[in-house]
Amino acid sequence: MSEYIQNSAHRREILKGIIRQLHEGRSVDEVKAEFAALLREVGPVEIAAIEQALIEEGFPEMEIKRLCDVHVAVFRESLETQTRPETIPGHPIHTFRAENEAAAQILNRLQEAIAALLKDPTDPACLEEARQRLREMREYEKHYRRKENFLFPYLERKGFTGPSTVMWAIHDDIRSGWRALDALLAEGPGDGVEDFQARVEGVFRPMATAIREMFFKEENILFPTALQLLTDEDWRAIRAQEAEVGYAYVLPGDRWTPEGIPTAPAAPTVSPPQTVPAEAAPPPPRALASILLHLDTGTLAPEEVNRILNALPVEITYVDRDDTVRYFNRPRQRTFLRPPAVIGRKVQKCHPPASLHRVQRILDDFRAGRRDVAEFWIQMQGRFVHIRYFPLRDEQGEYQGTLEVVQDVTDIRALEGEQRLLDEEG
């Protein structure tokens, strides 16, 4: 076995084979007994790389997700002996870790409240305590949203795409657990006390396990891997966007202030820059207004286009023909989070795994010319939101991209009669 341990190529193949054996039904104890020496030396970055390699070779991401906890069980002893990379207050990973520590305490209190409720489901005080602790637990949603919208996009740019699908799917399982438990606690036991107890326990137990296992995966695999792959500039860009989502239970410190890193997030280059002749000096800042866009029905300066798009009462997002997000506007009222990190990201990675098949079907239909619009409407926090997708085609009818349009139409749907005058005109 030692010759394989020293040879990185053989080592990786053996480790991938271990994962495959687990998916074929071999037990954790059997695998650990046979590969004990190798498993003792496996680090977090190597585990992440193995799962990523399997996905790239065609291993289904949802199959990785299904047995994710089994993978961790095999490597747990090695991971627990690893030295955790240190960060300082203000660094995004330091904030993520502080949130995990606080969330672990919140989860313990929720568990105590659920235990008390199961002993006496008819006690209104126990029921209200459980509801309150669940509300506190659901604040942890901000932690998951920052991972999905800020950390994952930067890892994807390094070719590390596994967490985006696998972890996001687990986040959604946890969210489903929160919603189900919330509905049960809102309903109360009624006349079926024993049924209520069984249902509450049946929802809470797997949800709590998933949250705790995610703590371990983040602390021992995701965070060490991210610290190795991402640069200071990447982390600075992530930090600059975090406030759009906010923080759970904690606030970031201010000791992490690397010099020379721009505070604004840097969007990736989507297309190569145009070659500028040496004799053509770039225009001074005040000359920018002279750069005009000649459109079908008029001529506008870039800054005018920007103002117009941001003044629209709708949110628009442009995805190019290669499924890459290229632009979104910033109206005063927004329904969905659109951070700068989304620019340059594949649109498939911007949606929860459970809805990916719908996104892909829309894109495929647009490309094939089978559809000229796709629309949905949802109820969201008491508002009625209309979502539409339109294919963009050139003069020959060839598909060139997709435009998403989101509009809160709650107030529009409530309109009645006519209004021909301004309010102040009476």
Protein backbone atom coordinates (compact mmCIF):
# COMPACT_ATOMS: atom_id res chain seq x y z
CA MET A 1 0.00 0.00 0.00
CA SER A 2 2.89 2.42 0.76
CA GLU A 3 3.91 2.72 -2.90
CA TYR A 4 0.40 3.91 -3.74
CA ILE A 5 0.34 6.35 -0.85
CA GLN A 6 3.50 8.02 -2.13
CA ASN A 7 2.36 8.15 -5.77
CA SER A 8 -0.22 10.94 -6.03
CA ALA A 9 -1.88 9.61 -9.20
CA HIS A 10 -2.34 6.10 -7.76
CA ARG A 11 -3.35 7.60 -4.43
CA ARG A 12 -6.13 9.64 -6.01
CA GLU A 13 -7.42 6.65 -7.96
CA ILE A 14 -7.55 4.56 -4.79
CA LEU A 15 -9.43 7.31 -2.97
CA LYS A 16 -11.91 7.65 -5.82
CA GLY A 17 -12.31 3.88 -5.74
CA ILE A 18 -13.14 4.07 -2.04
CA ILE A 19 -15.95 6.54 -2.76
CA ARG A 20 -17.26 4.30 -5.53
CA GLN A 21 -17.23 1.27 -3.20
CA LEU A 22 -19.30 3.19 -0.67
CA HIS A 23 -21.87 4.00 -3.35
CA GLU A 24 -21.94 0.33 -4.36
CA GLY A 25 -22.98 -0.59 -0.83
CA ARG A 26 -19.78 -1.40 1.02
CA SER A 27 -19.87 -0.35 4.67
CA VAL A 28 -17.82 2.41 6.28
CA ASP A 29 -16.19 -0.05 8.69
CA GLU A 30 -15.12 -2.38 5.87
CA VAL A 31 -13.54 0.44 3.90
CA LYS A 32 -11.82 1.91 6.95
CA ALA A 33 -10.37 -1.46 7.90
CA GLU A 34 -8.89 -2.09 4.45
CA PHE A 35 -7.56 1.41 3.79
CA ALA A 36 -6.71 2.53 7.33
CA ALA A 37 -3.17 3.71 6.56
CA LEU A 38 -4.21 5.78 3.59
CA LEU A 39 -7.28 7.27 5.26
CA ARG A 40 -5.21 8.53 8.21
CA GLU A 41 -3.26 10.80 5.86
CA VAL A 42 -6.07 12.32 3.81
CA GLY A 43 -6.55 16.09 4.16
CA PRO A 44 -9.58 18.33 3.51
CA VAL A 45 -8.38 19.70 0.17
CA GLU A 46 -7.71 16.20 -1.10
CA ILE A 47 -11.21 15.01 -0.14
CA ALA A 48 -12.78 17.97 -1.90
CA ALA A 49 -10.64 17.35 -4.98
CA ILE A 50 -11.65 13.68 -5.10
CA GLU A 51 -15.37 14.48 -5.07
CA GLN A 52 -14.80 17.19 -7.69
CA ALA A 53 -12.89 14.73 -9.92
CA LEU A 54 -15.68 12.17 -9.66
CA ILE A 55 -18.26 14.78 -10.67
CA GLU A 56 -16.13 15.81 -13.66
CA GLU A 57 -15.93 12.16 -14.69
CA GLY A 58 -19.72 11.97 -14.80
CA PHE A 59 -20.55 10.79 -11.28
CA PRO A 60 -24.02 12.24 -10.52
CA GLU A 61 -23.84 15.21 -8.15
CA MET A 62 -27.04 14.15 -6.39
CA GLU A 63 -25.48 10.73 -5.77
CA ILE A 64 -22.54 12.50 -4.10
CA LYS A 65 -25.07 14.43 -2.04
CA ARG A 66 -27.00 11.28 -1.09
CA LEU A 67 -23.97 9.67 0.55
CA CYS A 68 -22.15 12.84 1.56
CA ASP A 69 -22.39 11.96 5.26
CA VAL A 70 -20.98 8.49 4.54
CA HIS A 71 -17.94 10.04 2.84
CA VAL A 72 -17.35 12.23 5.87
CA ALA A 73 -17.69 9.22 8.19
CA VAL A 74 -14.87 7.45 6.34
CA PHE A 75 -12.53 10.44 6.53
CA ARG A 76 -13.70 11.86 9.88
CA GLU A 77 -10.80 10.57 12.00
CA SER A 78 -8.24 12.08 9.64
CA LEU A 79 -10.12 15.37 9.41
CA GLU A 80 -10.38 15.72 13.17
CA THR A 81 -6.59 15.58 13.48
CA GLN A 82 -5.97 18.33 10.92
CA THR A 83 -4.79 21.75 12.07
CA ARG A 84 -7.47 24.31 11.29
CA PRO A 85 -6.15 27.28 9.27
CA GLU A 86 -6.39 30.43 11.34
CA THR A 87 -8.19 33.56 10.22
CA ILE A 88 -8.62 36.94 11.91
CA PRO A 89 -11.79 38.92 12.69
CA GLY A 90 -13.21 40.48 9.57
CA HIS A 91 -12.16 37.72 7.18
CA PRO A 92 -15.25 36.02 5.69
CA ILE A 93 -14.20 32.60 6.96
CA HIS A 94 -13.76 33.97 10.49
CA THR A 95 -17.32 35.29 10.30
CA PHE A 96 -18.67 31.99 8.94
CA ARG A 97 -17.00 30.15 11.83
CA ALA A 98 -18.35 32.56 14.43
CA GLU A 99 -21.83 32.03 13.02
CA ASN A 100 -21.40 28.27 13.29
CA GLU A 101 -20.46 28.53 16.96
CA ALA A 102 -23.50 30.68 17.67
CA ALA A 103 -25.79 28.48 15.55
CA ALA A 104 -24.65 25.37 17.45
CA GLN A 105 -25.84 26.98 20.68
CA ILE A 106 -29.14 28.03 19.08
CA LEU A 107 -29.64 24.48 17.80
CA ASN A 108 -29.00 23.06 21.27
CA ARG A 109 -31.63 25.37 22.74
CA LEU A 110 -34.07 24.40 20.01
CA GLN A 111 -33.42 20.74 20.77
CA GLU A 112 -34.12 21.34 24.46
CA ALA A 113 -37.35 23.14 23.60
CA ILE A 114 -38.45 20.31 21.30
CA ALA A 115 -37.65 17.72 24.00
CA ALA A 116 -39.78 19.64 26.50
CA LEU A 117 -42.60 19.92 23.96
CA LEU A 118 -42.55 16.20 23.23
CA LYS A 119 -42.96 15.49 26.94
CA ASP A 120 -46.02 17.75 27.17
CA PRO A 121 -47.36 18.74 23.74
CA THR A 122 -50.45 20.33 25.28
CA ASP A 123 -48.48 22.92 27.30
CA PRO A 124 -48.87 26.30 25.51
CA ALA A 125 -45.64 27.58 27.10
CA CYS A 126 -43.64 24.66 25.68
CA LEU A 127 -45.19 25.18 22.27
CA GLU A 128 -44.37 28.91 22.24
CA GLU A 129 -40.81 28.24 23.44
CA ALA A 130 -40.26 25.83 20.54
CA ARG A 131 -41.66 28.35 18.06
CA GLN A 132 -39.34 31.07 19.38
CA ARG A 133 -36.26 28.85 19.24
CA LEU A 134 -37.13 27.82 15.68
CA ARG A 135 -37.41 31.50 14.67
CA GLU A 136 -33.92 32.03 16.06
CA MET A 137 -32.62 28.98 14.21
CA ARG A 138 -34.00 30.23 10.91
CA GLU A 139 -31.86 33.37 11.16
CA TYR A 140 -29.05 31.02 10.15
CA GLU A 141 -30.50 31.24 6.62
CA LYS A 142 -28.23 34.24 6.08
CA HIS A 143 -25.19 31.98 6.52
CA TYR A 144 -26.38 29.67 3.75
CA ARG A 145 -27.29 32.54 1.43
CA ARG A 146 -23.82 34.07 1.74
CA LYS A 147 -22.27 30.71 0.90
CA GLU A 148 -24.51 30.24 -2.14
CA ASN A 149 -24.26 33.78 -3.51
CA PHE A 150 -20.71 34.82 -2.60
CA LEU A 151 -18.43 31.92 -1.65
CA PHE A 152 -19.61 29.38 -4.23
CA PRO A 153 -19.24 31.70 -7.27
CA TYR A 154 -15.60 32.40 -6.45
CA LEU A 155 -14.87 28.71 -5.92
CA GLU A 156 -16.52 27.96 -9.28
CA ARG A 157 -14.10 30.39 -10.96
CA LYS A 158 -11.29 28.19 -9.67
CA GLY A 159 -12.91 25.15 -11.28
CA PHE A 160 -14.27 23.88 -7.95
CA THR A 161 -17.98 23.41 -8.63
CA GLY A 162 -18.95 20.46 -6.41
CA PRO A 163 -20.07 22.43 -3.32
CA SER A 164 -22.40 24.61 -5.37
CA THR A 165 -24.71 21.71 -6.15
CA VAL A 166 -24.11 19.25 -3.32
CA MET A 167 -24.12 21.69 -0.40
CA TRP A 168 -26.89 23.87 -1.85
CA ALA A 169 -29.09 20.76 -2.11
CA ILE A 170 -28.41 19.99 1.56
CA HIS A 171 -29.21 23.61 2.48
CA ASP A 172 -32.57 23.16 0.74
CA ASP A 173 -33.23 19.95 2.69
CA ILE A 174 -32.61 21.89 5.90
CA ARG A 175 -34.88 24.71 4.74
CA SER A 176 -37.60 22.18 4.01
CA GLY A 177 -37.17 20.89 7.55
CA TRP A 178 -37.52 24.39 8.97
CA ARG A 179 -40.72 24.99 7.01
CA ALA A 180 -42.21 21.63 7.94
CA LEU A 181 -41.43 22.10 11.63
CA ASP A 182 -42.78 25.65 11.54
CA ALA A 183 -46.04 24.38 10.05
CA LEU A 184 -46.34 21.66 12.72
CA LEU A 185 -45.70 24.10 15.56
CA ALA A 186 -48.18 26.58 14.10
CA GLU A 187 -50.81 23.86 13.88
CA GLY A 188 -50.22 22.42 17.34
CA PRO A 189 -51.22 18.96 18.57
CA GLY A 190 -55.00 19.35 18.30
CA ASP A 191 -56.64 16.07 19.24
CA GLY A 192 -53.83 13.87 17.94
CA VAL A 193 -51.12 14.20 20.57
CA GLU A 194 -49.24 11.01 19.75
CA ASP A 195 -49.33 11.70 16.03
CA PHE A 196 -48.08 15.25 16.68
CA GLN A 197 -45.19 13.93 18.76
CA ALA A 198 -44.17 11.47 16.08
CA ARG A 199 -44.35 14.04 13.30
CA VAL A 200 -42.36 16.66 15.22
CA GLU A 201 -39.64 14.17 16.09
CA GLY A 202 -39.64 12.82 12.53
CA VAL A 203 -38.98 16.31 11.14
CA PHE A 204 -36.65 17.65 13.81
CA ARG A 205 -34.22 14.74 14.13
CA PRO A 206 -32.98 14.58 10.48
CA MET A 207 -32.98 18.39 10.24
CA ALA A 208 -30.79 18.79 13.32
CA THR A 209 -28.45 16.04 12.11
CA ALA A 210 -28.09 17.72 8.71
CA ILE A 211 -27.26 21.08 10.33
CA ARG A 212 -24.61 19.55 12.59
CA GLU A 213 -23.09 17.53 9.77
CA MET A 214 -22.91 20.70 7.69
CA PHE A 215 -21.02 22.40 10.53
CA PHE A 216 -18.43 19.62 10.29
CA LYS A 217 -18.22 19.69 6.49
CA GLU A 218 -17.74 23.45 6.45
CA GLU A 219 -15.17 23.56 9.23
CA ASN A 220 -13.13 20.57 8.10
CA ILE A 221 -13.49 20.48 4.30
CA LEU A 222 -15.06 23.57 2.71
CA PHE A 223 -13.31 26.32 4.66
CA PRO A 224 -9.76 24.87 4.53
CA THR A 225 -10.21 24.21 0.80
CA ALA A 226 -11.52 27.72 0.14
CA LEU A 227 -8.65 29.28 2.09
CA GLN A 228 -6.19 27.42 -0.11
CA LEU A 229 -7.91 28.15 -3.43
CA LEU A 230 -9.01 31.79 -3.10
CA THR A 231 -6.80 34.86 -3.13
CA ASP A 232 -6.90 37.90 -0.88
CA GLU A 233 -8.57 39.77 -3.73
CA ASP A 234 -11.28 37.11 -3.89
CA TRP A 235 -11.88 37.34 -0.15
CA ARG A 236 -11.96 41.12 -0.27
CA ALA A 237 -14.58 40.96 -3.03
CA ILE A 238 -16.67 38.51 -1.00
CA ARG A 239 -16.43 40.75 2.06
CA ALA A 240 -17.52 43.79 0.03
CA GLN A 241 -20.77 42.03 -0.93
CA GLU A 242 -21.70 40.31 2.34
CA ALA A 243 -23.81 43.17 3.71
CA GLU A 244 -26.39 42.61 0.94
CA VAL A 245 -27.44 39.44 2.76
CA GLY A 246 -26.37 40.27 6.31
CA TYR A 247 -25.10 38.07 9.13
CA ALA A 248 -26.59 35.53 11.52
CA TYR A 249 -26.09 36.22 15.24
CA VAL A 250 -22.71 37.97 14.83
CA LEU A 251 -21.07 40.94 13.15
CA PRO A 252 -17.73 40.72 11.32
CA GLY A 253 -14.65 42.14 13.00
CA ASP A 254 -12.45 44.86 11.54
CA ARG A 255 -8.91 43.51 11.98
CA TRP A 256 -8.74 41.90 8.54
CA THR A 257 -7.85 44.78 6.22
CA PRO A 258 -5.36 43.59 3.57
CA GLU A 259 -3.70 46.51 1.83
CA GLY A 260 -3.80 47.06 -1.89
CA ILE A 261 -7.00 45.09 -2.46
CA PRO A 262 -9.94 46.97 -4.05
CA THR A 263 -13.06 47.19 -1.92
CA ALA A 264 -15.35 46.79 -4.95
CA PRO A 265 -15.77 43.20 -6.18
CA ALA A 266 -13.95 42.45 -9.39
CA ALA A 267 -16.14 40.87 -12.06
CA PRO A 268 -14.47 38.23 -14.21
CA THR A 269 -13.63 39.02 -17.79
CA VAL A 270 -16.32 37.49 -19.97
CA SER A 271 -14.89 38.33 -23.36
CA PRO A 272 -11.34 39.31 -24.38
CA PRO A 273 -10.63 43.05 -24.43
CA GLN A 274 -10.46 44.78 -27.77
CA THR A 275 -7.05 45.75 -29.08
CA VAL A 276 -6.50 49.51 -28.93
CA PRO A 277 -3.99 51.05 -31.38
CA ALA A 278 -0.92 52.44 -29.66
CA GLU A 279 -1.57 55.90 -31.05
CA ALA A 280 -5.11 56.02 -29.65
CA ALA A 281 -4.83 57.29 -26.09
CA PRO A 282 -7.77 56.50 -23.79
CA PRO A 283 -10.20 59.41 -23.44
CA PRO A 284 -10.03 61.50 -20.24
CA PRO A 285 -12.88 60.93 -17.74
CA ARG A 286 -14.91 63.97 -18.92
CA ALA A 287 -14.84 62.68 -22.48
CA LEU A 288 -16.74 59.51 -21.61
CA ALA A 289 -20.04 61.19 -22.50
CA SER A 290 -18.83 61.45 -26.11
CA ILE A 291 -18.88 57.63 -26.39
CA LEU A 292 -22.32 57.00 -27.84
CA LEU A 293 -24.37 53.88 -28.43
CA HIS A 294 -26.27 54.06 -31.71
CA LEU A 295 -29.46 52.10 -31.09
CA ASP A 296 -32.40 51.27 -33.34
CA THR A 297 -34.45 54.27 -32.22
CA GLY A 298 -31.96 56.75 -30.85
CA THR A 299 -28.49 57.47 -29.55
CA LEU A 300 -27.49 57.25 -25.89
CA ALA A 301 -24.36 57.58 -23.81
CA PRO A 302 -23.44 54.56 -21.60
CA GLU A 303 -24.22 56.48 -18.41
CA GLU A 304 -27.66 57.35 -19.80
CA VAL A 305 -28.32 53.70 -20.56
CA ASN A 306 -27.32 52.80 -17.02
CA ARG A 307 -29.68 55.40 -15.51
CA ILE A 308 -32.56 54.28 -17.72
CA LEU A 309 -32.15 50.60 -16.89
CA ASN A 310 -31.90 51.28 -13.15
CA ALA A 311 -35.01 53.49 -13.27
CA LEU A 312 -37.17 50.71 -14.70
CA PRO A 313 -39.82 49.38 -12.27
CA VAL A 314 -38.66 45.82 -13.02
CA GLU A 315 -35.57 43.73 -12.31
CA ILE A 316 -33.82 42.48 -15.43
CA THR A 317 -31.01 39.97 -15.78
CA TYR A 318 -29.25 39.16 -19.05
CA VAL A 319 -27.82 35.70 -19.69
CA ASP A 320 -25.77 35.30 -22.87
CA ARG A 321 -25.96 32.50 -25.44
CA ASP A 322 -23.41 30.46 -23.44
CA ASP A 323 -25.61 30.58 -20.29
CA THR A 324 -23.31 33.07 -18.55
CA VAL A 325 -24.82 35.88 -16.49
CA ARG A 326 -23.58 39.12 -18.06
CA TYR A 327 -25.71 41.92 -16.57
CA PHE A 328 -28.42 42.85 -14.09
CA ASN A 329 -29.93 46.23 -13.31
CA ARG A 330 -30.39 47.78 -9.88
CA PRO A 331 -33.86 49.30 -9.48
CA ARG A 332 -34.77 50.97 -6.21
CA GLN A 333 -37.02 48.11 -5.15
CA ARG A 334 -35.67 44.59 -5.58
CA THR A 335 -37.29 41.23 -4.96
CA PHE A 336 -34.34 38.90 -5.45
CA LEU A 337 -30.71 39.13 -4.41
CA ARG A 338 -28.38 39.95 -7.31
CA PRO A 339 -24.80 40.39 -5.99
CA PRO A 340 -21.87 41.34 -8.27
CA ALA A 341 -20.47 37.83 -7.72
CA VAL A 342 -23.18 36.51 -10.06
CA ILE A 343 -21.55 38.20 -13.07
CA GLY A 344 -19.64 35.59 -15.05
CA ARG A 345 -21.43 32.70 -13.30
CA LYS A 346 -23.29 30.03 -15.24
CA VAL A 347 -27.00 30.63 -14.77
CA GLN A 348 -27.50 26.98 -13.84
CA LYS A 349 -25.36 27.58 -10.74
CA CYS A 350 -27.54 30.54 -9.68
CA HIS A 351 -30.57 28.38 -8.93
CA PRO A 352 -31.27 25.73 -6.29
CA PRO A 353 -30.55 22.21 -7.58
CA ALA A 354 -34.20 21.24 -7.16
CA SER A 355 -35.29 23.82 -9.77
CA LEU A 356 -32.39 23.32 -12.18
CA HIS A 357 -34.38 21.06 -14.50
CA ARG A 358 -36.93 23.86 -15.07
CA VAL A 359 -34.20 26.40 -15.82
CA GLN A 360 -32.52 24.03 -18.26
CA ARG A 361 -35.81 23.22 -19.99
CA ILE A 362 -36.51 26.92 -20.59
CA LEU A 363 -33.04 27.48 -22.06
CA ASP A 364 -33.31 24.36 -24.24
CA ASP A 365 -36.76 25.42 -25.49
CA PHE A 366 -35.50 28.92 -26.32
CA ARG A 367 -32.52 27.52 -28.23
CA ALA A 368 -34.73 25.16 -30.21
CA GLY A 369 -37.30 27.87 -30.97
CA ARG A 370 -40.06 25.94 -29.18
CA ARG A 371 -40.93 28.80 -26.84
CA ASP A 372 -40.97 32.61 -26.97
CA VAL A 373 -41.76 33.26 -23.32
CA ALA A 374 -41.79 31.41 -20.01
CA GLU A 375 -43.58 32.89 -17.05
CA PHE A 376 -44.32 32.18 -13.41
CA TRP A 377 -46.02 34.03 -10.59
CA ILE A 378 -45.44 33.45 -6.90
CA GLN A 379 -46.60 34.73 -3.52
CA MET A 380 -43.59 36.02 -1.59
CA GLN A 381 -43.78 37.68 1.83
CA GLY A 382 -47.27 38.95 1.12
CA ARG A 383 -46.35 40.27 -2.33
CA PHE A 384 -47.41 38.97 -5.77
CA VAL A 385 -44.34 38.57 -8.00
CA HIS A 386 -44.48 38.01 -11.78
CA ILE A 387 -41.38 36.39 -13.36
CA ARG A 388 -40.91 36.16 -17.11
CA TYR A 389 -38.13 34.89 -19.38
CA PHE A 390 -37.70 35.98 -23.00
CA PRO A 391 -35.31 34.60 -25.63
CA LEU A 392 -33.10 37.14 -27.41
CA ARG A 393 -32.60 36.44 -31.12
CA ASP A 394 -30.62 38.09 -33.87
CA GLU A 395 -31.93 39.18 -37.28
CA GLN A 396 -31.67 35.60 -38.56
CA GLY A 397 -33.66 34.27 -35.60
CA GLU A 398 -30.65 32.62 -33.98
CA TYR A 399 -30.69 32.37 -30.19
CA GLN A 400 -28.37 34.93 -28.54
CA GLY A 401 -29.36 34.78 -24.88
CA THR A 402 -32.16 35.12 -22.36
CA LEU A 403 -33.65 38.08 -20.52
CA GLU A 404 -35.26 37.54 -17.12
CA VAL A 405 -37.81 40.16 -16.02
CA VAL A 406 -39.10 40.23 -12.44
CA GLN A 407 -41.88 42.58 -11.36
CA ASP A 408 -43.74 43.02 -8.10
CA VAL A 409 -47.29 43.50 -9.40
CA THR A 410 -49.07 43.54 -6.04
CA ASP A 411 -50.09 47.20 -6.28
CA ILE A 412 -50.89 46.96 -10.00
CA ARG A 413 -53.32 44.08 -9.39
CA ALA A 414 -55.12 46.20 -6.78
CA LEU A 415 -55.85 49.08 -9.18
CA GLU A 416 -59.47 49.87 -9.97
CA GLY A 417 -61.33 52.48 -11.97
CA GLU A 418 -59.26 55.32 -13.47
CA GLN A 419 -56.80 57.97 -12.38
CA ARG A 420 -56.30 60.70 -14.98
CA LEU A 421 -54.84 63.40 -12.72
CA LEU A 422 -51.82 63.66 -10.48
CA ASP A 423 -52.59 63.17 -6.79
CA GLU A 424 -51.85 66.78 -5.96
CA GLU A 425 -54.20 68.03 -8.68
CA GLY A 426 -57.15 66.56 -6.80
